[in-house]
N, C-alpha and C. Protein backbone atom coordinates (compact mmCIF):
# COMPACT_ATOMS: atom_id res chain seq x y z
N UNK A 1 144.42 -54.50 -174.79
CA UNK A 1 146.19 -55.02 -174.35
C UNK A 1 146.62 -56.66 -174.30
N UNK A 2 147.64 -56.85 -174.80
CA UNK A 2 147.62 -58.59 -174.22
C UNK A 2 149.03 -58.32 -174.01
N UNK A 3 149.40 -59.45 -173.38
CA UNK A 3 150.54 -59.95 -172.64
C UNK A 3 151.84 -59.64 -173.74
N UNK A 4 151.88 -59.86 -175.02
CA UNK A 4 152.95 -59.58 -175.87
C UNK A 4 153.20 -58.57 -175.94
N UNK A 5 152.34 -57.63 -176.24
CA UNK A 5 152.48 -56.24 -176.57
C UNK A 5 152.58 -55.23 -175.31
N UNK A 6 152.42 -56.02 -173.98
CA UNK A 6 152.82 -55.46 -172.80
C UNK A 6 154.42 -55.54 -172.54
N UNK A 7 154.54 -56.63 -172.96
CA UNK A 7 156.20 -56.90 -172.68
C UNK A 7 157.03 -56.38 -173.45
N UNK A 8 156.75 -56.65 -175.04
CA UNK A 8 157.27 -55.65 -175.78
C UNK A 8 157.39 -54.28 -175.65
N UNK A 9 156.28 -53.67 -175.28
CA UNK A 9 156.08 -51.91 -175.12
C UNK A 9 157.25 -51.91 -173.87
N UNK A 10 157.08 -52.72 -172.97
CA UNK A 10 157.98 -52.61 -171.51
C UNK A 10 159.21 -52.37 -172.01
N UNK A 11 159.80 -53.51 -172.66
CA UNK A 11 161.15 -53.57 -172.93
C UNK A 11 161.49 -52.28 -173.55
N UNK A 12 160.89 -52.09 -174.38
CA UNK A 12 161.26 -50.95 -175.62
C UNK A 12 161.13 -49.47 -174.66
N UNK A 13 160.22 -49.39 -173.86
CA UNK A 13 160.15 -48.36 -172.81
C UNK A 13 161.79 -48.04 -172.22
N UNK A 14 161.97 -49.21 -171.60
CA UNK A 14 163.09 -49.30 -170.47
C UNK A 14 164.30 -49.26 -171.64
N UNK A 15 164.30 -49.56 -172.59
CA UNK A 15 165.42 -49.29 -173.54
C UNK A 15 165.74 -47.88 -174.23
N UNK A 16 164.34 -47.59 -174.50
CA UNK A 16 164.48 -45.75 -174.80
C UNK A 16 164.96 -45.18 -173.55
N UNK A 17 164.60 -45.37 -172.54
CA UNK A 17 164.70 -44.79 -171.24
C UNK A 17 166.60 -44.57 -171.06
N UNK A 18 166.96 -46.23 -171.07
CA UNK A 18 168.31 -46.02 -171.01
C UNK A 18 169.01 -45.60 -172.08
N UNK A 19 168.73 -45.51 -173.28
CA UNK A 19 169.48 -44.80 -174.50
C UNK A 19 169.37 -43.10 -174.16
N UNK A 20 168.63 -42.61 -173.55
CA UNK A 20 168.17 -41.31 -172.91
C UNK A 20 169.25 -40.99 -172.00
N UNK A 21 169.39 -41.71 -171.03
CA UNK A 21 170.26 -42.00 -169.73
C UNK A 21 171.73 -41.67 -170.42
N UNK A 22 172.25 -42.51 -171.24
CA UNK A 22 173.34 -42.20 -171.85
C UNK A 22 173.65 -41.36 -172.85
N UNK A 23 172.63 -40.85 -173.32
CA UNK A 23 172.96 -39.77 -174.44
C UNK A 23 173.32 -38.48 -173.45
N UNK A 24 172.84 -38.37 -172.38
CA UNK A 24 173.09 -37.26 -171.63
C UNK A 24 174.60 -36.89 -171.63
N UNK A 25 175.63 -37.42 -170.84
CA UNK A 25 177.15 -37.12 -170.88
C UNK A 25 177.18 -36.95 -171.98
N UNK A 26 177.15 -37.60 -173.20
CA UNK A 26 177.60 -37.21 -174.15
C UNK A 26 177.59 -35.78 -174.81
N UNK A 27 176.14 -35.56 -174.94
CA UNK A 27 175.43 -34.48 -175.17
C UNK A 27 176.18 -33.03 -174.15
N UNK A 28 176.65 -33.72 -172.99
CA UNK A 28 177.16 -32.20 -172.04
C UNK A 28 178.68 -32.14 -171.95
N UNK A 29 179.47 -33.08 -173.33
CA UNK A 29 180.60 -33.24 -173.12
C UNK A 29 181.61 -33.42 -171.52
N UNK A 30 180.80 -34.53 -171.47
CA UNK A 30 181.34 -35.37 -169.82
C UNK A 30 181.90 -36.36 -170.10
N UNK A 31 182.01 -37.13 -171.45
CA UNK A 31 182.54 -38.37 -171.99
C UNK A 31 184.33 -38.10 -172.33
N UNK A 32 185.24 -38.34 -171.87
CA UNK A 32 186.32 -38.23 -172.48
C UNK A 32 186.75 -39.24 -173.38
N UNK A 33 187.86 -38.80 -174.11
CA UNK A 33 187.98 -39.69 -175.44
C UNK A 33 188.53 -41.14 -174.68
N UNK A 34 188.18 -42.30 -175.55
CA UNK A 34 188.23 -43.66 -174.91
C UNK A 34 187.50 -44.41 -175.92
N UNK A 35 187.88 -46.02 -175.67
CA UNK A 35 187.36 -46.97 -176.58
C UNK A 35 186.11 -47.61 -176.13
N UNK A 36 185.47 -47.43 -175.08
CA UNK A 36 184.46 -48.06 -174.43
C UNK A 36 183.26 -47.38 -174.81
N UNK A 37 183.03 -46.14 -174.72
CA UNK A 37 181.36 -45.55 -174.57
C UNK A 37 181.92 -43.95 -175.05
N UNK A 38 181.00 -44.11 -176.59
CA UNK A 38 180.80 -42.75 -176.85
C UNK A 38 180.91 -43.36 -178.64
N UNK A 39 180.88 -42.45 -179.27
CA UNK A 39 180.79 -42.65 -181.03
C UNK A 39 182.41 -42.64 -181.41
N UNK A 40 182.77 -44.12 -181.65
CA UNK A 40 183.81 -44.76 -181.57
C UNK A 40 184.25 -44.93 -183.20
N UNK A 41 184.48 -43.86 -183.90
CA UNK A 41 184.95 -44.12 -185.30
C UNK A 41 186.09 -43.37 -185.17
N UNK A 42 186.72 -43.67 -186.24
CA UNK A 42 187.94 -43.32 -186.62
C UNK A 42 188.37 -41.69 -186.47
N UNK A 43 187.62 -41.03 -186.99
CA UNK A 43 187.54 -39.34 -187.04
C UNK A 43 187.13 -39.08 -185.66
N UNK A 44 186.49 -39.73 -184.69
CA UNK A 44 186.56 -38.71 -183.29
C UNK A 44 187.78 -39.04 -182.79
N UNK A 45 188.95 -39.85 -183.14
CA UNK A 45 189.83 -40.30 -182.52
C UNK A 45 190.96 -39.30 -182.81
N UNK A 46 191.01 -38.25 -184.23
CA UNK A 46 191.79 -37.48 -184.72
C UNK A 46 192.33 -36.48 -183.62
N UNK A 47 191.29 -36.09 -182.83
CA UNK A 47 191.83 -34.71 -181.84
C UNK A 47 190.49 -34.36 -180.93
N UNK A 48 191.04 -34.00 -179.54
CA UNK A 48 190.15 -34.22 -178.41
C UNK A 48 188.55 -33.33 -179.20
N UNK A 49 188.89 -31.99 -179.82
CA UNK A 49 187.83 -31.21 -180.39
C UNK A 49 187.02 -31.66 -181.32
N UNK A 50 187.58 -33.04 -181.84
CA UNK A 50 186.92 -33.76 -182.84
C UNK A 50 186.07 -35.13 -181.92
N UNK A 51 186.36 -35.15 -180.98
CA UNK A 51 185.65 -36.33 -180.46
C UNK A 51 184.61 -35.63 -179.55
N UNK A 52 184.87 -34.41 -179.04
CA UNK A 52 183.72 -33.97 -178.38
C UNK A 52 182.75 -33.07 -179.20
N UNK A 53 183.05 -32.71 -180.31
CA UNK A 53 181.95 -32.71 -181.55
C UNK A 53 181.04 -33.49 -181.95
N UNK A 54 181.83 -34.66 -182.47
CA UNK A 54 181.28 -35.88 -182.72
C UNK A 54 180.59 -36.40 -181.80
N UNK A 55 181.05 -36.47 -180.48
CA UNK A 55 180.13 -37.33 -179.55
C UNK A 55 178.96 -36.22 -179.10
N UNK A 56 178.90 -34.99 -179.06
CA UNK A 56 177.66 -34.15 -178.87
C UNK A 56 176.79 -34.49 -179.68
N UNK A 57 176.95 -34.39 -181.16
CA UNK A 57 176.26 -34.94 -182.42
C UNK A 57 175.37 -36.28 -181.88
N UNK A 58 176.41 -37.37 -181.91
CA UNK A 58 175.86 -38.81 -181.60
C UNK A 58 175.15 -38.62 -180.48
N UNK A 59 175.48 -38.08 -179.49
CA UNK A 59 174.22 -37.92 -178.22
C UNK A 59 173.11 -37.50 -178.54
N UNK A 60 173.00 -36.26 -179.23
CA UNK A 60 171.80 -35.91 -179.72
C UNK A 60 170.99 -36.64 -180.79
N UNK A 61 171.67 -37.75 -181.70
CA UNK A 61 170.85 -38.51 -182.34
C UNK A 61 170.35 -39.80 -181.41
N UNK A 62 171.36 -40.19 -180.08
CA UNK A 62 170.50 -41.13 -179.25
C UNK A 62 169.62 -40.55 -178.37
N UNK A 63 169.60 -39.30 -178.14
CA UNK A 63 168.59 -39.01 -177.42
C UNK A 63 167.26 -38.75 -178.35
N UNK A 64 167.37 -37.95 -179.19
CA UNK A 64 166.07 -38.55 -180.32
C UNK A 64 165.96 -39.90 -180.41
N UNK A 65 166.47 -40.83 -180.83
CA UNK A 65 166.23 -42.14 -181.03
C UNK A 65 165.67 -42.66 -179.86
N UNK A 66 166.24 -42.48 -178.47
CA UNK A 66 165.63 -42.97 -177.46
C UNK A 66 164.60 -42.21 -176.88
N UNK A 67 164.04 -41.30 -177.46
CA UNK A 67 162.56 -40.74 -177.11
C UNK A 67 161.65 -41.39 -178.02
N UNK A 68 162.34 -41.80 -179.22
CA UNK A 68 161.42 -42.67 -180.02
C UNK A 68 160.98 -43.75 -180.09
N UNK A 69 161.70 -44.46 -179.22
CA UNK A 69 161.92 -45.61 -179.12
C UNK A 69 160.93 -45.50 -177.53
N UNK A 70 160.83 -45.09 -176.65
CA UNK A 70 160.27 -44.73 -175.52
C UNK A 70 158.77 -44.57 -175.95
N UNK A 71 158.55 -43.83 -176.88
CA UNK A 71 156.81 -43.34 -177.49
C UNK A 71 156.68 -44.87 -177.99
N UNK A 72 157.67 -45.47 -179.00
CA UNK A 72 156.96 -46.88 -179.66
C UNK A 72 156.63 -47.59 -178.47
N UNK A 73 157.59 -47.63 -177.54
CA UNK A 73 156.79 -48.91 -176.64
C UNK A 73 156.12 -48.52 -176.12
N UNK A 74 155.52 -47.28 -175.52
CA UNK A 74 154.24 -46.53 -174.81
C UNK A 74 153.08 -47.21 -175.87
N UNK A 75 152.93 -46.62 -177.34
CA UNK A 75 152.27 -47.38 -178.08
C UNK A 75 151.82 -48.79 -178.33
N UNK A 76 153.07 -49.33 -178.10
CA UNK A 76 153.03 -51.34 -178.08
C UNK A 76 152.36 -51.66 -177.07
N UNK A 77 152.51 -51.00 -175.70
CA UNK A 77 151.71 -51.36 -174.90
C UNK A 77 150.20 -51.89 -175.04
N UNK A 78 149.47 -51.20 -175.99
CA UNK A 78 148.11 -51.07 -176.31
C UNK A 78 147.49 -51.68 -177.36
N UNK A 79 148.60 -52.52 -177.90
CA UNK A 79 148.75 -52.92 -179.52
C UNK A 79 148.28 -54.54 -179.46
N UNK A 80 147.28 -55.00 -179.54
CA UNK A 80 147.05 -56.66 -179.73
C UNK A 80 148.02 -57.55 -180.65
N UNK A 81 149.27 -57.87 -180.34
CA UNK A 81 150.14 -58.45 -181.17
C UNK A 81 150.14 -59.78 -181.30
N UNK A 82 149.20 -60.50 -180.56
CA UNK A 82 148.82 -61.86 -180.65
C UNK A 82 147.66 -62.20 -181.86
N UNK A 83 146.89 -60.98 -182.08
CA UNK A 83 146.02 -61.33 -183.23
C UNK A 83 147.02 -60.55 -184.39
N UNK A 84 147.58 -59.82 -184.50
CA UNK A 84 148.03 -58.87 -185.54
C UNK A 84 149.46 -59.36 -185.65
N UNK A 85 149.85 -60.12 -186.53
CA UNK A 85 151.43 -60.51 -187.02
C UNK A 85 152.42 -59.19 -187.24
N UNK A 86 151.47 -58.31 -188.26
CA UNK A 86 152.16 -57.04 -188.94
C UNK A 86 152.49 -55.78 -187.98
N UNK A 87 151.62 -56.01 -186.95
CA UNK A 87 151.94 -54.94 -185.96
C UNK A 87 153.01 -55.44 -185.17
N UNK A 88 153.06 -57.05 -184.63
CA UNK A 88 154.36 -57.49 -184.16
C UNK A 88 155.31 -57.29 -184.70
N UNK A 89 155.56 -57.54 -186.13
CA UNK A 89 156.48 -57.12 -187.19
C UNK A 89 157.19 -55.68 -186.88
N UNK A 90 156.25 -54.73 -187.33
CA UNK A 90 156.40 -53.22 -187.22
C UNK A 90 156.82 -52.83 -185.77
N UNK A 91 156.43 -53.11 -184.69
CA UNK A 91 156.60 -52.95 -183.34
C UNK A 91 158.35 -53.47 -182.91
N UNK A 92 158.63 -54.35 -183.53
CA UNK A 92 159.72 -55.28 -183.40
C UNK A 92 160.66 -54.27 -184.44
N UNK A 93 160.44 -54.03 -185.40
CA UNK A 93 161.61 -53.61 -186.31
C UNK A 93 161.64 -52.20 -186.46
N UNK A 94 160.31 -51.44 -185.79
CA UNK A 94 160.77 -49.95 -185.99
C UNK A 94 161.58 -49.33 -185.20
N UNK A 95 161.66 -50.19 -183.84
CA UNK A 95 163.21 -49.24 -183.27
C UNK A 95 164.37 -49.75 -183.71
N UNK A 96 164.55 -50.72 -184.40
CA UNK A 96 165.77 -51.18 -185.02
C UNK A 96 165.97 -50.24 -186.03
N UNK A 97 164.83 -49.77 -186.57
CA UNK A 97 165.09 -48.47 -187.83
C UNK A 97 165.81 -47.23 -187.10
N UNK A 98 165.47 -46.85 -186.03
CA UNK A 98 165.47 -45.81 -185.29
C UNK A 98 166.95 -45.70 -184.87
N UNK A 99 167.01 -46.78 -184.57
CA UNK A 99 168.86 -47.22 -183.64
C UNK A 99 169.81 -47.06 -185.16
N UNK A 100 169.55 -47.67 -186.19
CA UNK A 100 170.38 -47.95 -187.31
C UNK A 100 170.51 -46.11 -187.86
N UNK A 101 169.38 -45.43 -187.69
CA UNK A 101 169.01 -43.98 -188.45
C UNK A 101 170.21 -43.15 -187.31
N UNK A 102 169.98 -43.27 -186.51
CA UNK A 102 170.89 -42.64 -185.56
C UNK A 102 172.79 -42.79 -185.82
N UNK A 103 172.41 -44.00 -185.81
CA UNK A 103 173.86 -44.75 -186.01
C UNK A 103 174.40 -44.36 -187.37
N UNK A 104 173.61 -44.02 -188.29
CA UNK A 104 174.10 -43.89 -189.52
C UNK A 104 174.67 -42.26 -189.63
N UNK A 105 173.44 -41.47 -188.58
CA UNK A 105 173.80 -40.30 -188.74
C UNK A 105 174.47 -39.80 -188.05
N UNK A 106 175.14 -40.43 -186.96
CA UNK A 106 176.42 -40.10 -186.47
C UNK A 106 177.84 -39.93 -187.05
N UNK A 107 177.79 -41.18 -188.07
CA UNK A 107 178.97 -41.78 -188.71
C UNK A 107 178.95 -41.00 -189.86
N UNK A 108 178.17 -40.64 -190.65
CA UNK A 108 177.84 -39.52 -191.71
C UNK A 108 178.95 -38.29 -191.33
N UNK A 109 178.05 -37.92 -189.87
CA UNK A 109 178.75 -36.38 -189.43
C UNK A 109 179.90 -36.69 -189.08
N UNK A 110 180.52 -37.96 -188.36
CA UNK A 110 182.01 -37.79 -188.12
C UNK A 110 182.83 -37.86 -189.41
N UNK A 111 182.23 -38.50 -190.71
CA UNK A 111 183.39 -38.52 -191.41
C UNK A 111 183.37 -36.77 -192.10
N UNK A 112 182.32 -36.43 -192.29
CA UNK A 112 182.52 -34.69 -192.43
C UNK A 112 183.21 -34.03 -191.59
N UNK A 113 183.13 -34.23 -190.35
CA UNK A 113 184.19 -33.69 -189.07
C UNK A 113 185.41 -33.61 -189.40
N UNK A 114 185.71 -35.20 -189.55
CA UNK A 114 187.09 -35.85 -189.26
C UNK A 114 188.01 -35.96 -190.54
N UNK A 115 187.14 -35.40 -191.77
CA UNK A 115 187.68 -35.42 -193.24
C UNK A 115 189.34 -34.02 -192.71
N UNK A 116 189.20 -33.07 -192.30
CA UNK A 116 190.35 -32.04 -192.53
C UNK A 116 191.48 -32.54 -191.62
N UNK A 117 191.92 -33.35 -190.69
CA UNK A 117 193.24 -33.66 -189.80
C UNK A 117 193.08 -34.89 -189.59
N UNK A 118 192.66 -35.62 -190.56
CA UNK A 118 192.19 -37.58 -189.96
C UNK A 118 193.75 -37.92 -190.07
N UNK A 119 195.04 -37.33 -190.55
CA UNK A 119 196.19 -37.95 -190.36
C UNK A 119 197.44 -37.61 -188.82
N UNK A 120 196.10 -37.05 -188.13
CA UNK A 120 196.81 -36.79 -186.81
C UNK A 120 196.12 -37.60 -185.74
N UNK A 121 195.25 -38.52 -186.07
CA UNK A 121 195.02 -39.58 -184.74
C UNK A 121 195.93 -40.05 -183.98
N UNK A 122 195.28 -39.55 -182.51
CA UNK A 122 196.43 -40.49 -181.32
C UNK A 122 196.18 -41.73 -181.04
N UNK A 123 194.83 -42.52 -181.58
CA UNK A 123 194.41 -43.58 -180.96
C UNK A 123 194.35 -44.72 -181.94
N UNK A 124 194.32 -44.23 -183.42
CA UNK A 124 194.11 -45.36 -184.92
C UNK A 124 194.71 -46.48 -184.47
């Protein structure tokens, strides 16, 4: 274990836990339509039903991403990143790939859900 791996690992563990915490209200349908918190894409603002459906899906993606980032962080604690630049790059870019994948999956789902009645949006 080296200091760099521990710092990066703990940072990712904390970020992963934060993402997990943020995902729970979305999954439970506790976040009302707003422009601050949730999956804020045009299709989500078409109706309350679309908002909750898209945000439940996005919350599940966020939960999976948070769990993966927490696991990546736990693994990073035990890797000597001062000696292995490849490991440093991997452990730095992997969480980014996880988040981008979760976001992309959420947007694709929103497009699928929002196609039916896009013209009825309240907040666009």
